[in-house]
């Protein structure tokens, strides 16, 4: 065996450096991929939370609209309506057969999120008194 051959077989410093660079590159790519996936998931979650909050606001607006109709009528009458706010829509139905107790059902939708509310009020000469207000995310 010649001196040149011996040096080729015993010089592993370049091989170790190359393997170290490759291992560190794979780790770097894995970290970057994880960061991109987490960022995409965060974006989708943020959009969902935004739609859910907007749906709650639209539901509240629709309930207020229905209660204003009941208040203006002076008694609980069967009525309904629809309110559109940009890309959000909601419908309300008030029922009570002209008596003092009135049930209001509201359903609102923003994007893929839907929310319902059931409100019960009593009507008197001084205005409306809230008996219950229940909201559910559908």
C-alpha atoms as a PDB file:
ATOM      1  CA  UNK A   1       0.000   0.000   0.000  1.00  0.00           C
ATOM      2  CA  UNK A   2       1.380   3.335  -0.995  1.00  0.00           C
ATOM      3  CA  UNK A   3       1.418   6.507   1.069  1.00  0.00           C
ATOM      4  CA  UNK A   4      -1.259   8.149  -1.121  1.00  0.00           C
ATOM      5  CA  UNK A   5      -3.676   5.237  -0.641  1.00  0.00           C
ATOM      6  CA  UNK A   6      -3.166   5.284   3.115  1.00  0.00           C
ATOM      7  CA  UNK A   7      -3.963   9.019   3.279  1.00  0.00           C
ATOM      8  CA  UNK A   8      -7.230   8.540   1.330  1.00  0.00           C
ATOM      9  CA  UNK A   9      -8.476   5.877   3.702  1.00  0.00           C
ATOM     10  CA  UNK A  10      -7.515   7.583   6.938  1.00  0.00           C
ATOM     11  CA  UNK A  11      -8.661  11.140   6.114  1.00  0.00           C
ATOM     12  CA  UNK A  12     -12.319  11.136   7.306  1.00  0.00           C
ATOM     13  CA  UNK A  13     -12.503  14.796   8.302  1.00  0.00           C
ATOM     14  CA  UNK A  14     -14.163  15.800   5.032  1.00  0.00           C
ATOM     15  CA  UNK A  15     -16.684  12.969   5.337  1.00  0.00           C
ATOM     16  CA  UNK A  16     -17.634  14.007   8.882  1.00  0.00           C
ATOM     17  CA  UNK A  17     -18.024  17.634   7.819  1.00  0.00           C
ATOM     18  CA  UNK A  18     -20.212  16.631   4.866  1.00  0.00           C
ATOM     19  CA  UNK A  19     -22.431  14.407   7.024  1.00  0.00           C
ATOM     20  CA  UNK A  20     -22.721  17.158   9.652  1.00  0.00           C
ATOM     21  CA  UNK A  21     -23.849  19.653   7.005  1.00  0.00           C
ATOM     22  CA  UNK A  22     -26.397  17.162   5.638  1.00  0.00           C
ATOM     23  CA  UNK A  23     -27.811  16.346   9.088  1.00  0.00           C
ATOM     24  CA  UNK A  24     -28.066  20.037  10.018  1.00  0.00           C
ATOM     25  CA  UNK A  25     -29.746  20.780   6.657  1.00  0.00           C
ATOM     26  CA  UNK A  26     -32.359  18.071   7.243  1.00  0.00           C
ATOM     27  CA  UNK A  27     -33.040  19.420  10.739  1.00  0.00           C
ATOM     28  CA  UNK A  28     -33.356  22.968   9.344  1.00  0.00           C
ATOM     29  CA  UNK A  29     -35.788  21.855   6.640  1.00  0.00           C
ATOM     30  CA  UNK A  30     -37.882  19.996   9.240  1.00  0.00           C
ATOM     31  CA  UNK A  31     -38.070  23.068  11.464  1.00  0.00           C
ATOM     32  CA  UNK A  32     -39.029  25.325   8.548  1.00  0.00           C
ATOM     33  CA  UNK A  33     -41.711  22.855   7.393  1.00  0.00           C
ATOM     34  CA  UNK A  34     -43.179  22.701  10.901  1.00  0.00           C
ATOM     35  CA  UNK A  35     -43.236  26.495  11.094  1.00  0.00           C
ATOM     36  CA  UNK A  36     -45.070  26.744   7.759  1.00  0.00           C
ATOM     37  CA  UNK A  37     -47.678  24.154   8.783  1.00  0.00           C
ATOM     38  CA  UNK A  38     -48.262  25.860  12.140  1.00  0.00           C
ATOM     39  CA  UNK A  39     -48.614  29.227  10.402  1.00  0.00           C
ATOM     40  CA  UNK A  40     -51.221  27.862   7.997  1.00  0.00           C
ATOM     41  CA  UNK A  41     -53.194  26.307  10.868  1.00  0.00           C
ATOM     42  CA  UNK A  42     -53.049  29.563  12.812  1.00  0.00           C
ATOM     43  CA  UNK A  43     -54.425  31.417   9.806  1.00  0.00           C
ATOM     44  CA  UNK A  44     -57.390  29.040   9.502  1.00  0.00           C
ATOM     45  CA  UNK A  45     -58.078  29.256  13.239  1.00  0.00           C
ATOM     46  CA  UNK A  46     -57.969  33.051  13.095  1.00  0.00           C
ATOM     47  CA  UNK A  47     -60.501  33.069  10.243  1.00  0.00           C
ATOM     48  CA  UNK A  48     -62.816  30.756  12.207  1.00  0.00           C
ATOM     49  CA  UNK A  49     -62.625  32.930  15.334  1.00  0.00           C
ATOM     50  CA  UNK A  50     -63.306  36.054  13.262  1.00  0.00           C
ATOM     51  CA  UNK A  51     -66.416  34.492  11.678  1.00  0.00           C
ATOM     52  CA  UNK A  52     -67.644  33.253  15.066  1.00  0.00           C
ATOM     53  CA  UNK A  53     -67.299  36.725  16.607  1.00  0.00           C
ATOM     54  CA  UNK A  54     -69.027  38.384  13.640  1.00  0.00           C
ATOM     55  CA  UNK A  55     -71.847  35.822  13.870  1.00  0.00           C
ATOM     56  CA  UNK A  56     -72.366  36.708  17.534  1.00  0.00           C
ATOM     57  CA  UNK A  57     -72.581  40.414  16.690  1.00  0.00           C
ATOM     58  CA  UNK A  58     -75.054  39.766  13.852  1.00  0.00           C
ATOM     59  CA  UNK A  59     -77.172  37.616  16.184  1.00  0.00           C
ATOM     60  CA  UNK A  60     -77.293  40.404  18.760  1.00  0.00           C
ATOM     61  CA  UNK A  61     -78.248  42.963  16.087  1.00  0.00           C
ATOM     62  CA  UNK A  62     -81.018  40.700  14.818  1.00  0.00           C
ATOM     63  CA  UNK A  63     -82.407  40.136  18.328  1.00  0.00           C
ATOM     64  CA  UNK A  64     -82.401  43.885  18.921  1.00  0.00           C
ATOM     65  CA  UNK A  65     -84.234  44.427  15.615  1.00  0.00           C
ATOM     66  CA  UNK A  66     -86.887  41.860  16.565  1.00  0.00           C
ATOM     67  CA  UNK A  67     -87.317  43.363  20.040  1.00  0.00           C
ATOM     68  CA  UNK A  68     -87.715  46.822  18.517  1.00  0.00           C
ATOM     69  CA  UNK A  69     -90.518  45.495  16.281  1.00  0.00           C
ATOM     70  CA  UNK A  70     -92.232  43.954  19.331  1.00  0.00           C
ATOM     71  CA  UNK A  71     -91.806  47.165  21.336  1.00  0.00           C
ATOM     72  CA  UNK A  72     -93.192  49.305  18.495  1.00  0.00           C
ATOM     73  CA  UNK A  73     -96.221  47.001  18.206  1.00  0.00           C
ATOM     74  CA  UNK A  74     -96.975  47.459  21.916  1.00  0.00           C
ATOM     75  CA  UNK A  75     -97.746  43.759  22.318  1.00  0.00           C
ATOM     76  CA  UNK A  76     -96.285  40.521  21.165  1.00  0.00           C
ATOM     77  CA  UNK A  77     -97.589  39.756  17.704  1.00  0.00           C
ATOM     78  CA  UNK A  78     -96.525  37.044  15.295  1.00  0.00           C
ATOM     79  CA  UNK A  79     -93.956  38.636  13.022  1.00  0.00           C
ATOM     80  CA  UNK A  80     -90.697  37.864  11.305  1.00  0.00           C
ATOM     81  CA  UNK A  81     -88.004  39.432   9.225  1.00  0.00           C
ATOM     82  CA  UNK A  82     -84.542  39.256   7.812  1.00  0.00           C
ATOM     83  CA  UNK A  83     -81.509  41.461   8.348  1.00  0.00           C
ATOM     84  CA  UNK A  84     -78.508  41.499   6.003  1.00  0.00           C
ATOM     85  CA  UNK A  85     -75.182  43.014   7.053  1.00  0.00           C
ATOM     86  CA  UNK A  86     -72.612  42.587   4.295  1.00  0.00           C
ATOM     87  CA  UNK A  87     -71.976  38.878   3.847  1.00  0.00           C
ATOM     88  CA  UNK A  88     -73.884  38.070   7.044  1.00  0.00           C
ATOM     89  CA  UNK A  89     -77.586  37.281   7.191  1.00  0.00           C
ATOM     90  CA  UNK A  90     -80.037  36.609   9.956  1.00  0.00           C
ATOM     91  CA  UNK A  91     -83.717  35.845  10.286  1.00  0.00           C
ATOM     92  CA  UNK A  92     -85.999  36.377  13.244  1.00  0.00           C
ATOM     93  CA  UNK A  93     -89.446  35.148  14.203  1.00  0.00           C
ATOM     94  CA  UNK A  94     -91.382  36.643  17.102  1.00  0.00           C
ATOM     95  CA  UNK A  95     -94.452  34.818  18.386  1.00  0.00           C
ATOM     96  CA  UNK A  96     -96.832  35.330  21.234  1.00  0.00           C
ATOM     97  CA  UNK A  97    -100.417  35.666  19.958  1.00  0.00           C
ATOM     98  CA  UNK A  98    -100.776  39.270  21.044  1.00  0.00           C
ATOM     99  CA  UNK A  99    -100.207  38.495  24.740  1.00  0.00           C
ATOM    100  CA  UNK A 100     -97.661  39.991  27.060  1.00  0.00           C
ATOM    101  CA  UNK A 101     -95.079  37.168  26.778  1.00  0.00           C
ATOM    102  CA  UNK A 102     -93.130  36.975  23.553  1.00  0.00           C
ATOM    103  CA  UNK A 103     -90.682  34.398  22.227  1.00  0.00           C
ATOM    104  CA  UNK A 104     -88.099  35.499  19.675  1.00  0.00           C
ATOM    105  CA  UNK A 105     -86.098  32.966  17.632  1.00  0.00           C
ATOM    106  CA  UNK A 106     -83.070  34.246  15.709  1.00  0.00           C
ATOM    107  CA  UNK A 107     -80.691  32.428  13.367  1.00  0.00           C
ATOM    108  CA  UNK A 108     -77.657  34.158  11.889  1.00  0.00           C
ATOM    109  CA  UNK A 109     -74.943  33.004   9.506  1.00  0.00           C
ATOM    110  CA  UNK A 110     -71.518  34.346   8.589  1.00  0.00           C
ATOM    111  CA  UNK A 111     -69.525  32.155   6.218  1.00  0.00           C
ATOM    112  CA  UNK A 112     -69.709  28.604   7.547  1.00  0.00           C
ATOM    113  CA  UNK A 113     -70.648  29.636  11.092  1.00  0.00           C
ATOM    114  CA  UNK A 114     -74.258  29.695  12.255  1.00  0.00           C
ATOM    115  CA  UNK A 115     -75.622  30.873  15.613  1.00  0.00           C
ATOM    116  CA  UNK A 116     -79.108  30.729  17.090  1.00  0.00           C
ATOM    117  CA  UNK A 117     -80.707  32.698  19.896  1.00  0.00           C
ATOM    118  CA  UNK A 118     -83.929  32.222  21.819  1.00  0.00           C
ATOM    119  CA  UNK A 119     -85.115  35.272  23.741  1.00  0.00           C
ATOM    120  CA  UNK A 120     -88.200  35.573  25.922  1.00  0.00           C
ATOM    121  CA  UNK A 121     -89.573  38.970  26.970  1.00  0.00           C
ATOM    122  CA  UNK A 122     -92.715  40.364  28.507  1.00  0.00           C
ATOM    123  CA  UNK A 123     -94.348  43.468  27.151  1.00  0.00           C
ATOM    124  CA  UNK A 124     -95.836  46.113  29.435  1.00  0.00           C
ATOM    125  CA  UNK A 125     -96.742  49.791  29.324  1.00  0.00           C
ATOM    126  CA  UNK A 126     -93.219  50.703  30.446  1.00  0.00           C
ATOM    127  CA  UNK A 127     -91.437  48.624  27.802  1.00  0.00           C
ATOM    128  CA  UNK A 128     -89.963  45.163  27.506  1.00  0.00           C
ATOM    129  CA  UNK A 129     -88.616  43.055  30.331  1.00  0.00           C
ATOM    130  CA  UNK A 130     -86.073  40.377  29.470  1.00  0.00           C
ATOM    131  CA  UNK A 131     -86.924  36.971  30.941  1.00  0.00           C
ATOM    132  CA  UNK A 132     -84.283  34.821  29.210  1.00  0.00           C
ATOM    133  CA  UNK A 133     -81.649  34.979  26.484  1.00  0.00           C
ATOM    134  CA  UNK A 134     -79.978  31.777  25.289  1.00  0.00           C
ATOM    135  CA  UNK A 135     -77.522  31.541  22.407  1.00  0.00           C
ATOM    136  CA  UNK A 136     -76.083  28.431  20.776  1.00  0.00           C
ATOM    137  CA  UNK A 137     -73.347  28.013  18.199  1.00  0.00           C
ATOM    138  CA  UNK A 138     -74.585  25.609  15.539  1.00  0.00           C
END
